[in-house]
Amino acid sequence: MEQRGLAIMVQGCTSDAGKSLIVTALCRFLSNQGIRVAPFKAQNMSNNSRVVDGGEIGTAQWLQAKASRVEPSVRMNPVLLKPQSDTKSQFILMGKFDQEFTEMPWKNRSEKVWPHIESSLNYLLDTYEVVVIEGAGSPAETNLFDSDFVNMRVAEAANASVVLVVDIDRGGAFAHLYGTYQLLPERWQRLISGFLLNKFRGDPELLHPAPQELELLTGVKTVGVIPKFAHDLPNEEGPSTHIASKNRTGKKVQIVCGPYSSNLDEFALLQQSATISWIRHKDDFDSPDLLILPGSKSSAGDLAWMRENGIDSEIQKMALLGVPILGICGGMQILGKEIVDDEGIESKTPVHGLGLLNLTTHFAPDKEVRKRTVQFPQLQTPWEWLSSSEISGYEIHFGESSSNTLTPLIEGGLAYLEGNIAATYIHGLFENDLVLKRFSPNSPFDLDRVLNLVSEEVIKHIDPEWLEQFIPVLKGRSKNESTTSGI
């Protein structure tokens, strides 16, 4: 019988400590050593997701699989929570929407979900040499100890060594590390192999003697200081505001960014081909060459937000001025006349859209989650950049949209157009080279190169001796066994 794979785990003192980036870097580093590696996160919470075989997973795990040079799978993220309001999230189990779990009280879910998590984890450990596991939030949330299925319960099940990451840019890093460690039961403290300071700005020499004092108090060594550095990987959730345009003379694109906007990572490449800005207030509109209404986890919720802030009327003004407006997925529903939701998926009361396209959306209990390749017909200005383009993308949505006056551009009601207003259910338009080149002549984005640069920047700031102890399969690996080949 083949030996079970090694598990290592990255946990954080808080959310947004940088766990996802560290896992991505470790996955690419191990792949570059010729090691068969895969990512795993028991539960993610994000409205940025990707379609893979079997359903949808968080964008972070999709990207980590790309860093590992393996095919993304629902087993890498068996539970995905997609926030619909401040108190409710859509529950995705093994890539599929699950109404029962969505309605179930939080603490009742744990034991019912655990078999799916355990079987996914075991499959990956039986298939790969190393599984790099990401935690969620903090392992020291004492109120969640009994229902935890993301952090230390996973570490114990996988017999994983854990590195604990803290965002030093927030301040209080050593108190965070010490407090987190001290709140853990002794059996979990023993799993902590190292502390990692992340997002550091300044002179590392100024940290002395705090790391040494922390080691005396806990017995755990601070094994690295990762600087805050620029990169072009999309954020795990929300807009990737850190990505700057590489073409300052490119077209100006504005994207409406509501509280439930989703799949904003699909614009990361466009951000390098055009000048992007995000609209959160009615005063942010600035005569763009293209205005985008992106996907939304709650079209009704984002419409209410637009009306509360006067953004709806500004969009309608842009339409009257002839500005090209593109709605994607939830944005398509928002541009229509009405959203009918008899199933109560978002709102049982019909919701009036912006009325810029004669579309009515009817929600249904089944969710469309699939990869798509579509071709747009020959189109006139201002949509000529989509003309005759075969585009690879994906669908993730509830509801179907139809019109009694408009003929769909793509069979199945996947796209509509009237004058300067266009809409489609297809995500990923701006991840196709042909589309991007019509916005800018710049060379296409090289994800493989960026993953290598991110990995190099992280790994060079981690103690190499500790790294070999943390990942024993690295011992004895010769340099000629490594690879930096593409995905």
Protein backbone atom coordinates (compact mmCIF):
# COMPACT_ATOMS: atom_id res chain seq x y z
CA MET A 1 0.00 0.00 0.00
CA GLU A 2 1.31 3.44 -0.96
CA GLN A 3 2.36 5.61 1.98
CA ARG A 4 -0.16 8.24 3.08
CA GLY A 5 0.77 11.80 2.17
CA LEU A 6 2.23 14.39 4.53
CA ALA A 7 -0.04 17.16 5.82
CA ILE A 8 1.12 20.66 6.72
CA MET A 9 -1.23 23.43 7.77
CA VAL A 10 -1.29 27.23 7.74
CA GLN A 11 -3.49 28.80 10.40
CA GLY A 12 -3.88 32.46 11.31
CA CYS A 13 -4.36 34.51 14.46
CA THR A 14 -7.11 36.42 12.63
CA SER A 15 -8.93 36.53 9.33
CA ASP A 16 -6.94 38.25 6.57
CA ALA A 17 -3.62 37.32 8.16
CA GLY A 18 -2.41 36.19 4.73
CA LYS A 19 -3.00 32.45 5.04
CA SER A 20 -4.19 32.03 1.46
CA LEU A 21 -1.11 33.70 -0.01
CA ILE A 22 1.23 31.62 2.17
CA VAL A 23 -0.53 28.40 1.13
CA THR A 24 -0.34 29.44 -2.53
CA ALA A 25 3.38 30.13 -2.18
CA LEU A 26 4.03 26.78 -0.45
CA CYS A 27 2.05 24.90 -3.11
CA ARG A 28 4.08 26.45 -5.93
CA PHE A 29 7.37 25.96 -4.04
CA LEU A 30 6.66 22.25 -3.51
CA SER A 31 5.52 21.80 -7.10
CA ASN A 32 8.77 23.41 -8.23
CA GLN A 33 10.63 20.73 -6.24
CA GLY A 34 8.86 18.04 -8.26
CA ILE A 35 6.60 17.10 -5.31
CA ARG A 36 2.99 16.08 -5.96
CA VAL A 37 1.09 18.61 -3.88
CA ALA A 38 -2.54 19.74 -3.46
CA PRO A 39 -4.32 22.41 -1.38
CA PHE A 40 -7.20 21.87 1.05
CA LYS A 41 -9.51 24.16 3.00
CA ALA A 42 -12.43 22.52 4.80
CA GLN A 43 -14.58 25.64 4.69
CA ASN A 44 -14.15 28.93 2.92
CA MET A 45 -16.39 32.01 3.09
CA SER A 46 -16.29 34.09 -0.08
CA ASN A 47 -18.46 35.27 -2.94
CA ASN A 48 -15.53 34.82 -5.31
CA SER A 49 -15.79 31.26 -6.64
CA ARG A 50 -14.83 29.16 -9.65
CA VAL A 51 -16.44 26.30 -11.53
CA VAL A 52 -14.54 23.00 -11.43
CA ASP A 53 -15.51 19.42 -12.14
CA GLY A 54 -18.27 18.62 -9.67
CA GLY A 55 -19.40 22.18 -8.93
CA GLU A 56 -17.89 25.34 -7.43
CA ILE A 57 -15.11 26.10 -4.97
CA GLY A 58 -13.56 29.25 -3.53
CA THR A 59 -11.30 31.19 -5.88
CA ALA A 60 -8.42 30.88 -3.38
CA GLN A 61 -8.42 27.07 -3.58
CA TRP A 62 -8.80 27.21 -7.37
CA LEU A 63 -5.71 29.43 -7.51
CA GLN A 64 -3.81 27.20 -5.05
CA ALA A 65 -4.54 24.21 -7.28
CA LYS A 66 -3.11 26.16 -10.21
CA ALA A 67 -0.04 26.88 -8.07
CA SER A 68 0.21 23.13 -7.40
CA ARG A 69 -0.13 22.38 -11.14
CA VAL A 70 -3.08 20.05 -10.49
CA GLU A 71 -6.69 20.06 -11.63
CA PRO A 72 -8.92 21.93 -9.13
CA SER A 73 -11.48 19.72 -7.40
CA VAL A 74 -14.44 20.15 -5.06
CA ARG A 75 -12.53 17.95 -2.60
CA MET A 76 -10.07 20.83 -2.10
CA ASN A 77 -12.86 23.01 -0.65
CA PRO A 78 -15.76 20.77 0.44
CA VAL A 79 -17.70 23.60 2.14
CA LEU A 80 -18.12 27.07 0.65
CA LEU A 81 -20.23 29.75 2.34
CA LYS A 82 -21.46 32.59 0.10
CA PRO A 83 -22.82 35.52 2.15
CA GLN A 84 -26.29 36.73 1.11
CA SER A 85 -26.88 39.07 4.06
CA ASP A 86 -25.34 39.91 7.43
CA THR A 87 -26.98 36.83 8.96
CA LYS A 88 -27.32 34.29 6.14
CA SER A 89 -24.97 32.52 3.74
CA GLN A 90 -25.67 30.14 0.91
CA PHE A 91 -24.19 26.75 1.79
CA ILE A 92 -22.25 24.92 -0.93
CA LEU A 93 -21.44 21.30 -0.04
CA MET A 94 -19.08 19.35 -2.30
CA GLY A 95 -19.60 21.93 -5.03
CA LYS A 96 -23.43 21.95 -4.89
CA PHE A 97 -25.94 24.30 -3.30
CA ASP A 98 -27.59 22.66 -0.28
CA GLN A 99 -30.84 24.23 0.90
CA GLU A 100 -31.05 22.10 4.07
CA PHE A 101 -27.64 23.20 5.32
CA THR A 102 -28.33 26.81 4.29
CA GLU A 103 -31.34 26.91 6.63
CA MET A 104 -29.73 24.85 9.42
CA PRO A 105 -28.48 26.58 12.62
CA TRP A 106 -24.71 26.96 12.56
CA LYS A 107 -23.77 24.65 15.43
CA ASN A 108 -26.01 21.85 14.11
CA ARG A 109 -23.96 21.58 10.93
CA SER A 110 -20.64 20.38 12.29
CA GLU A 111 -21.19 16.65 12.78
CA LYS A 112 -23.32 16.37 9.64
CA VAL A 113 -20.65 18.03 7.51
CA TRP A 114 -17.62 16.33 9.03
CA PRO A 115 -17.87 13.04 7.05
CA HIS A 116 -17.64 15.01 3.77
CA ILE A 117 -14.61 16.93 5.04
CA GLU A 118 -12.88 13.85 6.39
CA SER A 119 -13.40 11.80 3.22
CA SER A 120 -12.16 14.68 1.02
CA LEU A 121 -9.08 15.14 3.18
CA ASN A 122 -8.33 11.42 3.22
CA TYR A 123 -8.67 11.21 -0.56
CA LEU A 124 -6.12 14.01 -1.03
CA LEU A 125 -3.72 12.49 1.52
CA ASP A 126 -3.95 9.15 -0.28
CA THR A 127 -3.37 10.79 -3.68
CA TYR A 128 -0.65 13.40 -3.11
CA GLU A 129 2.76 13.47 -1.43
CA VAL A 130 1.92 16.68 0.44
CA VAL A 131 -1.38 18.37 1.23
CA VAL A 132 -1.10 22.04 2.22
CA ILE A 133 -4.10 22.81 4.43
CA GLU A 134 -5.46 26.28 5.11
CA GLY A 135 -7.35 27.14 8.27
CA ALA A 136 -10.08 29.75 8.60
CA GLY A 137 -10.32 32.72 10.94
CA SER A 138 -8.52 31.79 14.15
CA PRO A 139 -8.09 28.42 15.91
CA ALA A 140 -8.51 30.18 19.27
CA GLU A 141 -12.20 31.02 19.00
CA THR A 142 -13.13 29.23 22.22
CA ASN A 143 -16.85 29.58 21.50
CA LEU A 144 -16.36 27.41 18.40
CA PHE A 145 -14.16 24.66 19.87
CA ASP A 146 -17.05 22.18 20.08
CA SER A 147 -18.19 22.79 16.50
CA ASP A 148 -14.82 23.33 14.81
CA PHE A 149 -14.34 21.47 11.55
CA VAL A 150 -11.91 23.89 9.89
CA ASN A 151 -8.87 24.36 12.10
CA MET A 152 -7.52 22.06 14.79
CA ARG A 153 -9.96 19.21 14.19
CA VAL A 154 -8.64 19.04 10.63
CA ALA A 155 -5.05 19.30 11.86
CA GLU A 156 -5.59 16.36 14.22
CA ALA A 157 -7.34 14.28 11.56
CA ALA A 158 -4.46 14.83 9.13
CA ASN A 159 -1.71 14.64 11.76
CA ALA A 160 -0.55 18.00 10.42
CA SER A 161 2.20 20.27 11.65
CA VAL A 162 0.87 23.83 11.92
CA VAL A 163 2.49 27.18 11.24
CA LEU A 164 0.63 30.09 12.84
CA VAL A 165 0.59 33.31 10.79
CA VAL A 166 -0.01 36.83 12.08
CA ASP A 167 -0.51 40.11 10.22
CA ILE A 168 2.14 42.30 11.85
CA ASP A 169 0.92 45.33 9.88
CA ARG A 170 -2.14 45.45 12.15
CA GLY A 171 -0.02 45.89 15.27
CA GLY A 172 0.06 43.76 18.40
CA ALA A 173 1.51 40.78 16.51
CA PHE A 174 3.33 39.18 19.44
CA ALA A 175 0.30 39.55 21.70
CA HIS A 176 -1.81 37.92 18.97
CA LEU A 177 0.59 34.98 18.70
CA TYR A 178 0.97 34.54 22.45
CA GLY A 179 -2.75 34.91 23.16
CA THR A 180 -3.75 32.51 20.40
CA TYR A 181 -1.25 29.91 21.58
CA GLN A 182 -2.25 30.23 25.24
CA LEU A 183 -5.97 29.82 24.50
CA LEU A 184 -5.38 26.48 22.79
CA PRO A 185 -5.65 23.23 24.78
CA GLU A 186 -2.27 21.58 25.33
CA ARG A 187 -2.91 18.85 22.75
CA TRP A 188 -3.40 21.59 20.11
CA GLN A 189 -0.44 23.63 21.31
CA ARG A 190 1.76 20.62 20.52
CA LEU A 191 0.73 20.86 16.86
CA ILE A 192 2.14 24.39 16.48
CA SER A 193 5.50 24.05 14.73
CA GLY A 194 6.34 27.71 14.10
CA PHE A 195 5.21 31.34 14.14
CA LEU A 196 5.29 33.41 10.96
CA LEU A 197 5.16 37.22 10.86
CA ASN A 198 3.45 38.43 7.70
CA LYS A 199 3.02 41.78 5.88
CA PHE A 200 6.02 43.35 7.64
CA ARG A 201 7.19 46.85 6.72
CA GLY A 202 10.45 48.15 8.14
CA ASP A 203 13.76 46.87 9.46
CA PRO A 204 13.55 43.26 10.77
CA GLU A 205 16.40 44.01 13.19
CA LEU A 206 13.98 46.16 15.19
CA LEU A 207 11.96 43.06 16.10
CA HIS A 208 14.70 41.84 18.47
CA PRO A 209 14.30 40.59 21.20
CA ALA A 210 10.55 39.95 20.91
CA PRO A 211 10.78 36.69 18.84
CA GLN A 212 13.30 35.24 21.29
CA GLU A 213 11.17 36.22 24.29
CA LEU A 214 8.09 34.69 22.67
CA GLU A 215 9.98 31.45 22.11
CA LEU A 216 10.96 31.35 25.80
CA LEU A 217 7.30 31.77 26.77
CA THR A 218 5.86 29.22 24.33
CA GLY A 219 8.67 27.00 23.12
CA VAL A 220 7.74 27.93 19.54
CA LYS A 221 10.23 29.60 17.22
CA THR A 222 9.44 32.55 14.94
CA VAL A 223 10.48 30.99 11.64
CA GLY A 224 10.10 33.85 9.19
CA VAL A 225 9.30 37.50 8.57
CA ILE A 226 7.46 37.95 5.28
CA PRO A 227 7.52 41.53 3.96
CA LYS A 228 4.47 43.25 2.59
CA PHE A 229 5.07 43.04 -1.15
CA ALA A 230 3.24 43.86 -4.37
CA HIS A 231 1.81 41.05 -6.50
CA ASP A 232 -0.83 40.57 -9.19
CA LEU A 233 -2.80 37.66 -7.74
CA PRO A 234 -6.50 38.42 -7.16
CA ASN A 235 -7.91 38.79 -3.68
CA GLU A 236 -9.65 35.83 -2.07
CA GLU A 237 -12.77 37.97 -1.70
CA GLY A 238 -13.86 41.42 -2.76
CA PRO A 239 -12.13 43.59 -5.38
CA SER A 240 -8.39 43.29 -6.01
CA THR A 241 -7.68 46.97 -5.46
CA HIS A 242 -3.95 46.32 -5.13
CA ILE A 243 -3.59 45.43 -8.83
CA ALA A 244 -2.60 48.45 -10.91
CA SER A 245 -2.96 48.97 -14.63
CA LYS A 246 0.18 48.25 -16.65
CA ASN A 247 -1.17 50.43 -19.45
CA ARG A 248 -1.85 53.99 -18.33
CA THR A 249 -3.11 54.99 -21.79
CA GLY A 250 -5.70 52.19 -21.85
CA LYS A 251 -9.46 52.49 -21.70
CA LYS A 252 -11.17 53.65 -18.52
CA VAL A 253 -13.45 51.01 -16.97
CA GLN A 254 -15.58 51.49 -13.86
CA ILE A 255 -17.09 48.59 -11.91
CA VAL A 256 -19.98 49.01 -9.48
CA CYS A 257 -18.92 47.36 -6.22
CA GLY A 258 -21.92 46.60 -4.01
CA PRO A 259 -21.95 44.75 -0.67
CA TYR A 260 -22.84 41.43 -2.34
CA SER A 261 -20.77 41.77 -5.52
CA SER A 262 -19.29 38.43 -6.48
CA ASN A 263 -16.58 36.94 -8.67
CA LEU A 264 -14.69 40.23 -8.75
CA ASP A 265 -11.46 38.26 -9.23
CA GLU A 266 -12.46 37.79 -12.89
CA PHE A 267 -11.42 41.41 -13.51
CA ALA A 268 -7.81 40.97 -12.31
CA LEU A 269 -6.48 40.68 -15.87
CA LEU A 270 -8.58 43.59 -17.12
CA GLN A 271 -7.05 45.68 -14.34
CA GLN A 272 -3.70 45.24 -16.08
CA SER A 273 -5.06 46.08 -19.52
CA ALA A 274 -7.21 49.11 -18.66
CA THR A 275 -7.55 51.77 -15.99
CA ILE A 276 -10.02 50.36 -13.46
CA SER A 277 -11.87 52.12 -10.67
CA TRP A 278 -14.51 50.78 -8.28
CA ILE A 279 -17.79 52.58 -7.71
CA ARG A 280 -19.02 52.58 -4.11
CA HIS A 281 -20.55 56.06 -3.98
CA LYS A 282 -22.64 58.09 -6.43
CA ASP A 283 -19.84 60.64 -6.74
CA ASP A 284 -17.41 57.99 -8.05
CA PHE A 285 -18.81 58.00 -11.62
CA ASP A 286 -16.29 59.50 -14.04
CA SER A 287 -17.39 59.18 -17.71
CA PRO A 288 -15.97 55.69 -18.27
CA ASP A 289 -15.43 53.98 -21.63
CA LEU A 290 -17.22 50.98 -20.10
CA LEU A 291 -19.36 50.62 -16.97
CA ILE A 292 -19.72 47.10 -15.52
CA LEU A 293 -22.33 45.76 -13.12
CA PRO A 294 -20.64 42.56 -11.91
CA GLY A 295 -22.06 39.35 -10.48
CA SER A 296 -23.99 39.54 -7.24
CA LYS A 297 -24.77 36.99 -4.54
CA SER A 298 -27.92 38.99 -3.78
CA SER A 299 -29.25 40.99 -6.72
CA ALA A 300 -32.08 42.23 -4.49
CA GLY A 301 -29.62 43.29 -1.79
CA ASP A 302 -27.35 45.14 -4.22
CA LEU A 303 -30.33 46.86 -5.84
CA ALA A 304 -31.47 48.08 -2.40
CA TRP A 305 -27.94 49.36 -1.71
CA MET A 306 -27.87 51.19 -5.06
CA ARG A 307 -31.17 52.91 -4.30
CA GLU A 308 -30.16 53.85 -0.78
CA ASN A 309 -27.02 55.53 -2.10
CA GLY A 310 -28.34 57.13 -5.29
CA ILE A 311 -26.19 54.90 -7.46
CA ASP A 312 -29.21 53.61 -9.40
CA SER A 313 -30.01 57.06 -10.79
CA GLU A 314 -26.36 57.64 -11.72
CA ILE A 315 -26.32 54.39 -13.70
CA GLN A 316 -29.47 55.47 -15.51
CA LYS A 317 -27.85 58.83 -16.29
CA MET A 318 -24.83 57.02 -17.77
CA ALA A 319 -27.21 54.98 -19.93
CA LEU A 320 -28.87 58.14 -21.28
CA LEU A 321 -25.45 59.61 -22.05
CA GLY A 322 -24.64 56.58 -24.22
CA VAL A 323 -21.99 55.04 -21.95
CA PRO A 324 -21.66 51.31 -22.73
CA ILE A 325 -23.00 49.37 -19.73
CA LEU A 326 -22.37 45.65 -19.29
CA GLY A 327 -24.16 43.49 -16.71
CA ILE A 328 -22.65 40.13 -15.80
CA CYS A 329 -24.80 37.46 -14.12
CA GLY A 330 -26.41 39.25 -11.15
CA GLY A 331 -25.61 42.50 -12.95
CA MET A 332 -27.71 41.25 -15.84
CA GLN A 333 -30.64 40.64 -13.50
CA ILE A 334 -30.21 44.11 -11.96
CA LEU A 335 -30.31 45.78 -15.41
CA GLY A 336 -33.66 44.10 -16.15
CA LYS A 337 -37.20 45.14 -15.29
CA GLU A 338 -38.13 42.63 -12.61
CA ILE A 339 -36.78 39.76 -10.50
CA VAL A 340 -39.44 37.23 -9.47
CA ASP A 341 -38.36 34.97 -6.61
CA ASP A 342 -41.27 32.73 -5.59
CA GLU A 343 -38.80 30.25 -4.07
CA GLY A 344 -37.54 32.83 -1.57
CA ILE A 345 -33.90 32.29 -2.54
CA GLU A 346 -33.21 36.01 -2.09
CA SER A 347 -36.55 37.75 -1.57
CA LYS A 348 -40.11 36.40 -1.87
CA THR A 349 -41.32 39.84 -2.90
CA PRO A 350 -40.79 40.71 -6.60
CA VAL A 351 -37.99 43.24 -7.01
CA HIS A 352 -37.95 45.98 -9.66
CA GLY A 353 -34.66 46.26 -11.52
CA LEU A 354 -33.14 49.32 -13.16
CA GLY A 355 -35.29 48.79 -16.25
CA LEU A 356 -32.47 49.37 -18.75
CA LEU A 357 -33.17 46.06 -20.50
CA ASN A 358 -36.59 44.51 -21.07
CA LEU A 359 -35.75 41.37 -19.09
CA THR A 360 -37.65 39.47 -16.44
CA THR A 361 -35.75 37.03 -14.21
CA HIS A 362 -37.50 34.07 -12.58
CA PHE A 363 -35.59 32.34 -9.80
CA ALA A 364 -35.76 28.53 -9.58
CA PRO A 365 -34.49 26.12 -6.90
CA ASP A 366 -31.87 24.64 -9.22
CA LYS A 367 -28.58 26.47 -9.58
CA GLU A 368 -26.70 26.65 -12.87
CA VAL A 369 -23.01 25.84 -12.31
CA ARG A 370 -21.10 24.90 -15.43
CA LYS A 371 -18.18 25.75 -17.68
CA ARG A 372 -19.15 27.36 -20.99
CA THR A 373 -17.64 28.15 -24.37
CA VAL A 374 -19.77 30.61 -26.32
CA GLN A 375 -19.50 32.70 -29.46
CA PHE A 376 -20.99 36.17 -29.85
CA PRO A 377 -22.34 37.23 -33.26
CA GLN A 378 -20.99 40.18 -35.24
CA LEU A 379 -21.73 43.27 -33.14
CA GLN A 380 -21.65 47.00 -33.80
CA THR A 381 -19.92 49.74 -31.83
CA PRO A 382 -19.58 49.93 -28.84
CA TRP A 383 -19.63 46.11 -28.56
CA GLU A 384 -17.41 45.25 -31.53
CA TRP A 385 -14.75 43.95 -29.10
CA LEU A 386 -17.03 40.96 -28.43
CA SER A 387 -17.78 40.30 -32.10
CA SER A 388 -17.31 36.73 -33.33
CA SER A 389 -15.23 35.90 -30.27
CA GLU A 390 -15.22 32.33 -29.01
CA ILE A 391 -15.06 32.84 -25.27
CA SER A 392 -14.36 30.34 -22.52
CA GLY A 393 -16.13 31.13 -19.27
CA TYR A 394 -18.51 29.78 -16.68
CA GLU A 395 -22.02 30.14 -15.25
CA ILE A 396 -22.84 30.37 -11.53
CA HIS A 397 -26.38 31.61 -10.93
CA PHE A 398 -29.92 31.01 -9.84
CA GLY A 399 -32.67 32.15 -12.18
CA GLU A 400 -33.33 32.48 -15.89
CA SER A 401 -33.82 35.78 -17.71
CA SER A 402 -36.11 36.22 -20.70
CA SER A 403 -37.59 38.99 -22.83
CA ASN A 404 -40.73 39.37 -24.91
CA THR A 405 -39.06 41.95 -27.16
CA LEU A 406 -35.33 41.14 -27.27
CA THR A 407 -33.74 38.22 -29.11
CA PRO A 408 -30.93 36.60 -27.10
CA LEU A 409 -27.43 37.00 -28.52
CA ILE A 410 -26.59 33.49 -27.36
CA GLU A 411 -28.94 30.54 -27.35
CA GLY A 412 -30.52 29.79 -23.99
CA GLY A 413 -30.92 33.42 -22.93
CA LEU A 414 -27.27 33.75 -21.93
CA ALA A 415 -26.81 37.26 -23.36
CA TYR A 416 -28.93 40.23 -24.47
CA LEU A 417 -28.18 43.58 -26.08
CA GLU A 418 -30.05 46.80 -26.74
CA GLY A 419 -28.08 49.83 -27.91
CA ASN A 420 -25.42 50.72 -25.37
CA ILE A 421 -26.71 48.20 -22.77
CA ALA A 422 -25.51 44.58 -22.83
CA ALA A 423 -25.79 41.72 -20.38
CA THR A 424 -24.68 38.11 -20.08
CA TYR A 425 -24.70 35.19 -17.64
CA ILE A 426 -21.17 34.26 -18.74
CA HIS A 427 -18.39 35.00 -16.28
CA GLY A 428 -14.79 35.18 -17.49
CA LEU A 429 -15.11 37.42 -20.55
CA PHE A 430 -12.05 39.38 -19.44
CA GLU A 431 -9.91 36.31 -18.92
CA ASN A 432 -9.77 35.59 -22.65
CA ASP A 433 -6.69 36.90 -24.45
CA LEU A 434 -8.62 38.01 -27.54
CA VAL A 435 -10.91 40.22 -25.45
CA LEU A 436 -8.06 41.63 -23.39
CA LYS A 437 -6.03 42.52 -26.47
CA ARG A 438 -8.95 44.57 -27.75
CA PHE A 439 -8.59 46.70 -24.62
CA SER A 440 -4.81 46.89 -24.72
CA PRO A 441 -1.96 45.61 -26.93
CA ASN A 442 -0.07 44.54 -23.79
CA SER A 443 1.16 40.97 -23.56
CA PRO A 444 -1.29 38.57 -21.88
CA PHE A 445 -0.95 38.10 -18.14
CA ASP A 446 1.38 35.22 -17.21
CA LEU A 447 -0.15 33.53 -14.15
CA ASP A 448 2.61 30.94 -13.99
CA ARG A 449 5.31 33.61 -13.75
CA VAL A 450 3.41 35.52 -11.05
CA LEU A 451 2.96 32.35 -8.97
CA ASN A 452 6.69 31.68 -9.16
CA LEU A 453 7.52 35.25 -8.12
CA VAL A 454 5.11 35.09 -5.17
CA SER A 455 6.54 31.76 -4.06
CA GLU A 456 10.12 32.98 -4.29
CA GLU A 457 9.33 36.12 -2.27
CA VAL A 458 7.69 34.14 0.54
CA ILE A 459 10.08 31.18 0.71
CA LYS A 460 13.27 33.24 0.80
CA HIS A 461 12.08 34.83 4.07
CA ILE A 462 11.46 31.52 5.86
CA ASP A 463 14.17 29.70 7.84
CA PRO A 464 15.35 26.92 5.44
CA GLU A 465 16.34 24.54 8.26
CA TRP A 466 12.90 24.84 9.86
CA LEU A 467 11.27 24.42 6.44
CA GLU A 468 12.94 21.02 6.02
CA GLN A 469 11.69 19.99 9.45
CA PHE A 470 8.20 21.26 8.65
CA ILE A 471 8.17 19.45 5.27
CA PRO A 472 10.42 16.40 5.72
CA VAL A 473 9.98 15.26 2.09
CA LEU A 474 12.23 18.19 1.13
CA LYS A 475 15.24 16.52 2.76
CA GLY A 476 17.60 15.01 0.24
CA ARG A 477 15.91 16.67 -2.74
CA SER A 478 18.60 17.67 -5.22
CA LYS A 479 18.33 20.89 -7.18
CA ASN A 480 18.01 19.00 -10.45
CA GLU A 481 14.77 17.45 -9.18
CA SER A 482 13.05 20.82 -9.08
CA THR A 483 11.07 22.38 -11.90
CA THR A 484 9.80 25.81 -12.79
CA SER A 485 7.84 24.68 -15.83
CA GLY A 486 4.41 26.09 -16.61
CA ILE A 487 1.01 24.80 -15.61
